[in-house]
Structures are given as structure tokens and as C-alpha cells.
Amino acid sequence: MVGMQYTKFGNSDLNVSRICMGCMGFGDAGNGQHSWTVDEERSREIIRRGLELGINFFDTAIAYQSGTSERYLGRALKDYAKREDVVVATKFLPRTQEDIQAGVSGQRHIERMIDKSLENLGMDYVDLYIYHMWDYQTPLYDIMEGLNRVVRAGKARHIGISNCHAYQLAKANALAEKEGFAKFVSIQGHYNLIFREEEREMAKLCAEDNIAMTPYSALAGGRLAKRPGETSKRLEEDDYARLKYDATSRQDGVIIARVEELADRHSVSMTEISLAWLLTKVTAPVVGATKLHHVEGAAKAVGLVLEDDELSYLEEPYVPHALVGVMAQNTVSSAKEKHVWSVGSQKV
């Protein structure tokens, strides 16, 4: 097996493994919305195996199982790795309506969130602090200033963003450049072989501005890793994944069948084929794991090279997809955006 490969992370000074371990599947299921998550003992086994395979990049969020994902990850890394040898990313959500009504500012909210995440992780800093989804109720200036304060305080080395449109990322980084704030060095969006809408504008922006792409749902909630008839607890119980993919299952099935065909041709797993394709497009896909073979299959994908005609064969059946989930909500919300960005003492 070819060893893990590493790459420079966009415009940052980070060097990351080509596979990022997604930690949404770790945590106390009683403290979150996902019933398929695994307990701390299993999480530690998977994290340890990832480290053995050369994975140094880990992605979690304060929202995952009420912070228990962060806690499991932090404790495992403390026991199995040196802090300077791993790249840790976590994310924060926008203010709640209760926060807004209580007068909690955007800057204060970010400060509270990073402090709680660091407490959960048992760390002094994170390498990448990610804005989990666009906040239409807080002026952009407040968000960027709050994130810049986190970086200046040494609590995060770099900042990234998730679930946004290309124009929003471009606008945020233009403001940061104008004000001398930290800029977003990465985008974590929804991108895989059966959902390629990021190629319309986001991928082009990232290529031009050297912004790292670390897509989530790299295997479409398991759909790109399972043969017909195979199932899993997540496939059966992940309502959000069904929201994202059920409406297009017929057309997506054509692509999934081609993944299966190439897996047989190469005598590898469907996971390896699906990720080998994605690795030609992005910096480091975020790959969730709740079993050891999940992380082992992801690591193997790094060494698999597909021919140009095979890549084209996988891509050819794709048809445009409607935006779903968080990004669909963003599109609905954007009508209010102009007003939100102009309120407060700063205008963007």
C-alpha cells in the first residue's frame, strides 16, 4: 500500500494529509441529533488507526453531539499524538435567536465559542477555526473582526468557512484584505461524485485564489461506498442525508453503478474509486469514519490513480442538482442579506 501523501493547505503554513478524518460520527448519541454515532472507546480506536495510517488532519465541531465529539478527539490526540504533529479543525455555528435577543455581539459570540471548543478539546489553540455556516443576522464586518481577534489572540492559527456561496467567500476575503484581518484559507462545502455543484463557481474561485477545498459528504453519506443491497445504520437512519440525495437517487444510481464497475476492474473498494476521483479535484476531503475499515479504505484511496478516460467515465452521466440542506436555506435567506450587511456601525 502506498503511504499517506501530504500537501500545503492553501495559503497557510499548514501541511495536511490528503485525507481529513471527519469526526461527526464521534460522540455521545444521547447528546446529539445522530443516533449512529460511536462511543469514546470506538472513536479512540478509529483515531489511533488514522494516525497509524498517516492521517494528521482532523475535523470536528462544537455542534457535534453537544461538544462530545470535540472532547473525544482531544483526549485521543493527547494520548496518541504530539500536538505539533496534528492539524485540528473545529467549527462554530451562528448566534441563536436567544443570543441576539440577549444582545450578545458577533465578536463576543465567537470568543465564547472558541473558548468552549478549546476547553472541550483540552488544547490551547486550533489550527483551523471554521465558520460553520453563513450568518445572515450578523454584519459580515463583525464576523471577520471577531475571527481576526481569535487569530491575533493565538487561539487559532488560521480560519476557514463552510456552507457558503462563492460570492460570499470572495466578499468576505475582500473585506479582510481591506481591513488587514485574517482571510479564509479554506472552504468546506458539499462536494462529491454525485453532487458537483461546487464546480460552477466555488472551485474556480479556489483555484485562482489558492483556497483549500475540504469537502464534506465525500462519500454521499455512504452511497458512493455501498453496492446495491448493502446498507448501514447511517444509511438507514440519517434523515439529513436522505434529504440531500433521495430526490436524485435514480440519476445518481447511474454514476454509482460506474463506481462499482471500476472498483471491480481495479479490485478495490467503491470507497477508493469515489475518493480517488475527488482527490483529483480538492485539497483534502473530509471523510467520516465510524468503523476501522472506513478510515483504512480512505487512506488506500490516496495511492489509487485513475486514468483520464476513467475519470471522464465517472463524470459523464452527471446532471445538475438543486441545492439542498443548508445551502438551499442560504439561497432562501439571501434575499434578506443586503439589509443585514448594512446594519450596525460598519457597512460592508
Protein backbone atom coordinates (compact mmCIF):
# COMPACT_ATOMS: atom_id res chain seq x y z
CA MET A 1 0.00 0.00 0.00
CA VAL A 2 1.26 3.46 -0.92
CA GLY A 3 1.80 5.64 2.13
CA MET A 4 -0.15 8.74 3.00
CA GLN A 5 0.54 11.87 0.93
CA TYR A 6 0.65 15.42 2.28
CA THR A 7 0.06 18.83 0.77
CA LYS A 8 0.32 22.51 1.62
CA PHE A 9 -3.00 23.84 2.84
CA GLY A 10 -3.93 26.72 0.57
CA ASN A 11 -2.26 29.99 1.56
CA SER A 12 -1.50 28.78 5.09
CA ASP A 13 1.69 27.32 6.57
CA LEU A 14 -0.06 24.03 7.35
CA ASN A 15 0.87 20.70 5.80
CA VAL A 16 -2.03 18.27 5.85
CA SER A 17 -2.67 14.67 4.92
CA ARG A 18 -4.69 14.27 1.72
CA ILE A 19 -7.41 12.66 3.83
CA CYS A 20 -9.04 14.61 6.66
CA MET A 21 -10.77 12.48 9.29
CA GLY A 22 -14.29 13.80 9.82
CA CYS A 23 -15.38 13.42 13.43
CA MET A 24 -19.12 14.00 13.15
CA GLY A 25 -19.63 10.29 13.84
CA PHE A 26 -17.90 10.51 17.22
CA GLY A 27 -19.75 11.48 20.37
CA ASP A 28 -22.46 10.61 22.82
CA ALA A 29 -25.56 9.80 20.73
CA GLY A 30 -27.72 10.95 23.65
CA ASN A 31 -26.27 14.46 23.24
CA GLY A 32 -26.93 14.99 19.55
CA GLN A 33 -29.19 14.51 16.58
CA HIS A 34 -27.36 11.47 15.17
CA SER A 35 -28.22 8.02 16.53
CA TRP A 36 -25.46 6.35 14.51
CA THR A 37 -22.52 7.94 16.32
CA VAL A 38 -19.96 5.80 18.14
CA ASP A 39 -18.82 5.93 21.76
CA GLU A 40 -15.47 7.09 23.06
CA GLU A 41 -13.80 3.69 23.06
CA ARG A 42 -14.61 3.09 19.38
CA SER A 43 -13.74 6.69 18.49
CA ARG A 44 -10.31 6.30 20.05
CA GLU A 45 -9.67 3.10 18.05
CA ILE A 46 -10.54 4.86 14.81
CA ILE A 47 -8.47 7.97 15.61
CA ARG A 48 -5.49 5.83 16.58
CA ARG A 49 -5.79 3.82 13.36
CA GLY A 50 -5.97 7.03 11.35
CA LEU A 51 -2.77 8.27 12.95
CA GLU A 52 -1.07 4.94 12.17
CA LEU A 53 -2.08 5.35 8.53
CA GLY A 54 -0.55 8.82 8.39
CA ILE A 55 -3.66 10.97 8.77
CA ASN A 56 -2.72 14.17 10.60
CA PHE A 57 -5.79 16.30 9.79
CA PHE A 58 -8.93 16.05 11.96
CA ASP A 59 -12.20 17.97 11.62
CA THR A 60 -14.82 18.32 14.34
CA ALA A 61 -17.33 20.95 15.54
CA ILE A 62 -18.77 22.23 18.78
CA ALA A 63 -22.22 21.28 17.45
CA TYR A 64 -21.37 17.61 17.07
CA GLN A 65 -23.14 15.77 19.89
CA SER A 66 -23.08 18.79 22.21
CA GLY A 67 -19.29 19.04 22.22
CA THR A 68 -18.64 15.37 23.00
CA SER A 69 -17.02 14.86 19.58
CA GLU A 70 -14.50 17.58 20.45
CA ARG A 71 -13.86 16.01 23.83
CA TYR A 72 -13.34 12.51 22.43
CA LEU A 73 -10.98 13.81 19.76
CA GLY A 74 -8.97 15.96 22.15
CA ARG A 75 -8.45 13.18 24.66
CA ALA A 76 -7.43 10.67 21.97
CA LEU A 77 -4.94 13.03 20.33
CA LYS A 78 -3.43 13.88 23.72
CA ASP A 79 -2.77 10.17 24.30
CA TYR A 80 -1.71 9.12 20.81
CA ALA A 81 -0.01 12.12 19.15
CA LYS A 82 2.13 15.18 19.74
CA ARG A 83 0.11 18.37 19.44
CA GLU A 84 2.51 19.89 16.91
CA ASP A 85 2.19 16.84 14.65
CA VAL A 86 -1.55 17.12 14.05
CA VAL A 87 -3.80 19.68 12.36
CA VAL A 88 -7.04 20.18 14.27
CA ALA A 89 -10.07 22.00 12.86
CA THR A 90 -13.30 22.79 14.63
CA LYS A 91 -16.34 24.87 13.75
CA PHE A 92 -18.85 27.24 15.35
CA LEU A 93 -22.47 27.99 14.50
CA PRO A 94 -24.09 31.44 14.18
CA ARG A 95 -25.69 33.14 17.15
CA THR A 96 -29.03 31.76 18.29
CA GLN A 97 -32.14 33.93 18.48
CA GLU A 98 -31.71 33.88 22.25
CA ASP A 99 -28.16 35.24 21.87
CA ILE A 100 -29.37 38.01 19.60
CA GLN A 101 -32.20 38.98 21.92
CA ALA A 102 -29.78 38.99 24.85
CA GLY A 103 -27.54 41.45 22.99
CA VAL A 104 -24.60 39.08 22.53
CA SER A 105 -22.46 40.62 19.77
CA GLY A 106 -20.98 38.66 16.90
CA GLN A 107 -17.48 39.17 18.31
CA ARG A 108 -18.50 38.09 21.82
CA HIS A 109 -20.25 35.01 20.41
CA ILE A 110 -17.13 33.92 18.53
CA GLU A 111 -14.97 34.44 21.61
CA ARG A 112 -17.31 32.32 23.71
CA MET A 113 -17.46 29.58 21.09
CA ILE A 114 -13.69 29.27 20.60
CA ASP A 115 -13.09 29.27 24.36
CA LYS A 116 -15.61 26.46 24.85
CA SER A 117 -14.17 24.44 21.95
CA LEU A 118 -10.65 24.77 23.35
CA GLU A 119 -11.94 23.64 26.73
CA ASN A 120 -13.62 20.62 25.10
CA LEU A 121 -10.51 19.73 23.11
CA GLY A 122 -8.16 20.33 26.03
CA MET A 123 -5.97 22.48 23.75
CA ASP A 124 -4.51 25.96 23.79
CA TYR A 125 -5.25 26.56 20.09
CA VAL A 126 -6.75 25.03 16.99
CA ASP A 127 -5.01 25.07 13.64
CA LEU A 128 -8.15 25.94 11.71
CA TYR A 129 -11.28 27.63 13.08
CA ILE A 130 -14.23 27.30 10.73
CA TYR A 131 -17.32 29.47 10.36
CA HIS A 132 -19.84 26.60 10.14
CA MET A 133 -22.49 28.34 8.06
CA TRP A 134 -23.24 31.85 6.86
CA ASP A 135 -24.88 34.08 9.45
CA TYR A 136 -27.46 36.29 7.77
CA GLN A 137 -28.33 38.05 11.03
CA THR A 138 -24.87 39.39 11.87
CA PRO A 139 -22.96 42.03 9.89
CA LEU A 140 -20.07 40.48 7.99
CA TYR A 141 -17.65 43.01 9.49
CA ASP A 142 -18.48 41.72 12.99
CA ILE A 143 -17.78 38.13 11.97
CA MET A 144 -14.48 38.91 10.29
CA GLU A 145 -13.34 41.16 13.14
CA GLY A 146 -14.29 38.50 15.69
CA LEU A 147 -12.37 35.82 13.81
CA ASN A 148 -9.39 38.12 13.44
CA ARG A 149 -9.33 38.64 17.20
CA VAL A 150 -9.24 34.85 17.67
CA VAL A 151 -6.21 34.59 15.38
CA ARG A 152 -4.43 37.56 16.99
CA ALA A 153 -5.02 36.03 20.43
CA GLY A 154 -3.29 32.83 19.29
CA LYS A 155 -6.40 30.71 19.76
CA ALA A 156 -6.49 29.72 16.08
CA ARG A 157 -3.68 29.68 13.53
CA HIS A 158 -5.99 30.12 10.54
CA ILE A 159 -9.67 30.49 9.69
CA GLY A 160 -11.90 28.68 7.23
CA ILE A 161 -15.54 28.73 6.19
CA SER A 162 -18.19 26.11 5.45
CA ASN A 163 -21.52 26.14 3.63
CA CYS A 164 -21.35 29.38 1.70
CA HIS A 165 -21.64 30.62 -1.86
CA ALA A 166 -18.56 31.60 -3.87
CA TYR A 167 -19.53 35.27 -3.94
CA GLN A 168 -19.82 35.26 -0.14
CA LEU A 169 -16.33 33.82 0.29
CA ALA A 170 -14.94 36.33 -2.21
CA LYS A 171 -16.68 39.22 -0.46
CA ALA A 172 -15.51 38.13 2.99
CA ASN A 173 -11.88 37.82 1.91
CA ALA A 174 -12.03 41.16 0.10
CA LEU A 175 -13.22 42.80 3.32
CA ALA A 176 -10.50 41.02 5.30
CA GLU A 177 -7.83 42.21 2.88
CA LYS A 178 -9.11 45.78 3.05
CA GLU A 179 -9.16 45.79 6.86
CA GLY A 180 -5.98 43.79 7.44
CA PHE A 181 -7.93 40.91 9.01
CA ALA A 182 -7.16 37.20 8.73
CA LYS A 183 -8.57 35.75 5.49
CA PHE A 184 -10.33 32.45 4.97
CA VAL A 185 -7.80 29.87 3.77
CA SER A 186 -10.30 27.05 3.15
CA ILE A 187 -13.85 26.18 2.21
CA GLN A 188 -15.71 23.10 3.44
CA GLY A 189 -18.64 22.61 1.09
CA HIS A 190 -20.88 19.81 -0.14
CA TYR A 191 -18.99 18.11 -3.00
CA ASN A 192 -18.74 14.54 -4.22
CA LEU A 193 -19.13 12.47 -7.38
CA ILE A 194 -22.95 12.70 -7.30
CA PHE A 195 -23.14 16.33 -6.15
CA ARG A 196 -20.81 18.55 -8.16
CA GLU A 197 -22.44 21.98 -7.96
CA GLU A 198 -19.28 23.41 -6.34
CA GLU A 199 -17.67 23.18 -9.79
CA ARG A 200 -19.87 26.01 -11.10
CA GLU A 201 -18.09 28.85 -9.27
CA MET A 202 -16.52 27.78 -5.99
CA ALA A 203 -13.86 25.50 -7.49
CA LYS A 204 -12.81 28.24 -9.91
CA LEU A 205 -12.53 30.84 -7.14
CA CYS A 206 -10.46 28.45 -5.01
CA ALA A 207 -8.12 27.62 -7.89
CA GLU A 208 -7.50 31.30 -8.65
CA ASP A 209 -7.05 32.39 -5.02
CA ASN A 210 -5.32 29.21 -3.74
CA ILE A 211 -8.07 28.48 -1.21
CA ALA A 212 -8.04 24.91 0.06
CA MET A 213 -11.15 22.80 -0.64
CA THR A 214 -12.03 20.28 2.09
CA PRO A 215 -15.46 19.00 1.08
CA TYR A 216 -17.78 17.15 3.44
CA SER A 217 -20.12 14.32 2.41
CA ALA A 218 -17.23 12.97 0.33
CA LEU A 219 -18.99 9.60 0.02
CA ALA A 220 -22.54 10.98 -0.06
CA GLY A 221 -23.45 9.54 3.32
CA GLY A 222 -22.18 6.11 2.26
CA ARG A 223 -23.98 5.98 -1.08
CA LEU A 224 -20.72 6.09 -3.04
CA ALA A 225 -19.25 3.29 -0.92
CA LYS A 226 -22.06 0.72 -0.94
CA ARG A 227 -23.00 -1.86 -3.55
CA PRO A 228 -26.70 -2.37 -4.35
CA GLY A 229 -28.41 -4.04 -1.43
CA GLU A 230 -25.70 -3.14 1.08
CA THR A 231 -26.80 -0.94 3.92
CA SER A 232 -25.61 0.54 7.20
CA LYS A 233 -27.06 2.13 10.29
CA ARG A 234 -26.25 5.56 8.88
CA LEU A 235 -27.90 4.87 5.52
CA GLU A 236 -31.00 3.70 7.36
CA GLU A 237 -31.16 6.46 9.97
CA ASP A 238 -29.50 9.59 8.53
CA ASP A 239 -32.53 11.72 7.67
CA TYR A 240 -30.38 14.68 6.57
CA ALA A 241 -28.50 12.55 4.03
CA ARG A 242 -31.81 11.27 2.67
CA LEU A 243 -32.95 14.87 2.28
CA LYS A 244 -29.82 15.57 0.23
CA TYR A 245 -29.90 12.52 -2.03
CA ASP A 246 -33.25 10.71 -2.20
CA ALA A 247 -34.78 13.04 -4.81
CA THR A 248 -31.96 12.32 -7.28
CA SER A 249 -31.35 8.67 -6.44
CA ARG A 250 -32.34 7.46 -9.91
CA GLN A 251 -29.87 9.60 -11.84
CA ASP A 252 -27.20 9.22 -9.17
CA GLY A 253 -27.58 5.46 -9.40
CA VAL A 254 -26.09 5.50 -12.90
CA ILE A 255 -22.88 7.03 -11.52
CA ILE A 256 -22.83 4.73 -8.50
CA ALA A 257 -23.06 1.73 -10.86
CA ARG A 258 -19.99 3.02 -12.71
CA VAL A 259 -18.13 3.38 -9.41
CA GLU A 260 -18.93 -0.26 -8.70
CA GLU A 261 -17.76 -1.28 -12.19
CA LEU A 262 -14.40 0.47 -11.80
CA ALA A 263 -13.97 -0.93 -8.29
CA ASP A 264 -14.29 -4.42 -9.75
CA ARG A 265 -11.89 -3.58 -12.57
CA HIS A 266 -9.23 -2.35 -10.13
CA SER A 267 -10.03 -4.94 -7.43
CA VAL A 268 -10.53 -2.17 -4.87
CA SER A 269 -13.44 -0.84 -2.82
CA MET A 270 -16.01 1.64 -4.09
CA THR A 271 -14.72 4.00 -1.40
CA GLU A 272 -11.31 4.02 -3.05
CA ILE A 273 -12.73 4.78 -6.51
CA SER A 274 -15.01 7.56 -5.26
CA LEU A 275 -12.27 9.24 -3.23
CA ALA A 276 -9.61 8.77 -5.91
CA TRP A 277 -11.85 10.82 -8.21
CA LEU A 278 -12.42 13.51 -5.57
CA LEU A 279 -8.71 13.71 -4.76
CA THR A 280 -8.10 14.96 -8.30
CA LYS A 281 -10.33 17.95 -7.52
CA VAL A 282 -9.67 19.06 -3.94
CA THR A 283 -7.02 19.52 -1.25
CA ALA A 284 -8.30 17.03 1.33
CA PRO A 285 -11.81 15.57 1.50
CA VAL A 286 -13.34 15.24 4.95
CA VAL A 287 -14.11 11.53 5.31
CA GLY A 288 -16.22 10.40 8.24
CA ALA A 289 -15.46 7.10 9.93
CA THR A 290 -17.41 5.01 12.41
CA LYS A 291 -15.59 1.73 11.66
CA LEU A 292 -11.93 0.88 11.17
CA HIS A 293 -12.41 -0.18 7.55
CA HIS A 294 -13.84 3.27 6.76
CA VAL A 295 -10.57 5.01 7.59
CA GLU A 296 -8.49 2.21 6.05
CA GLY A 297 -10.37 2.48 2.75
CA ALA A 298 -9.99 6.25 2.74
CA ALA A 299 -6.24 6.00 3.29
CA LYS A 300 -5.87 3.49 0.45
CA ALA A 301 -7.59 5.88 -1.97
CA VAL A 302 -4.62 8.23 -1.84
CA GLY A 303 -2.49 5.70 -3.70
CA LEU A 304 -5.03 4.93 -6.42
CA VAL A 305 -4.56 6.72 -9.74
CA LEU A 306 -7.42 6.66 -12.22
CA GLU A 307 -6.83 7.13 -15.94
CA ASP A 308 -8.28 10.19 -17.69
CA ASP A 309 -10.82 8.05 -19.54
CA GLU A 310 -11.92 6.52 -16.24
CA LEU A 311 -12.40 9.94 -14.67
CA SER A 312 -14.46 11.00 -17.68
CA TYR A 313 -16.49 7.80 -17.49
CA LEU A 314 -17.41 8.59 -13.87
CA GLU A 315 -18.29 12.20 -14.67
CA GLU A 316 -20.22 11.78 -17.92
CA PRO A 317 -23.69 10.82 -16.53
CA TYR A 318 -23.89 13.76 -14.11
CA VAL A 319 -26.84 16.13 -14.41
CA PRO A 320 -27.32 19.40 -12.50
CA HIS A 321 -28.68 19.07 -8.98
CA ALA A 322 -30.76 21.50 -6.96
CA LEU A 323 -29.14 22.96 -3.85
CA VAL A 324 -30.29 21.11 -0.75
CA GLY A 325 -29.95 21.28 3.02
CA VAL A 326 -28.09 24.23 4.47
CA MET A 327 -27.22 25.69 1.07
CA ALA A 328 -30.87 25.67 0.00
CA GLN A 329 -31.67 27.60 3.17
CA ASN A 330 -28.86 30.02 2.33
CA THR A 331 -30.40 30.70 -1.06
CA VAL A 332 -33.77 31.46 0.52
CA SER A 333 -32.14 33.67 3.13
CA SER A 334 -30.02 35.67 0.69
CA ALA A 335 -32.92 37.98 -0.16
CA LYS A 336 -32.52 39.47 3.32
CA GLU A 337 -28.77 39.74 3.08
CA LYS A 338 -28.39 43.28 1.77
CA HIS A 339 -30.25 44.67 4.76
CA VAL A 340 -28.31 42.60 7.28
CA TRP A 341 -24.92 43.55 5.90
CA SER A 342 -25.70 47.26 6.16
CA VAL A 343 -26.90 47.42 9.74
CA GLY A 344 -24.71 48.42 12.62
CA SER A 345 -21.81 50.82 12.79
CA GLN A 346 -19.91 49.26 9.91
CA LYS A 347 -21.21 48.93 6.36
CA VAL A 348 -19.98 46.23 4.01
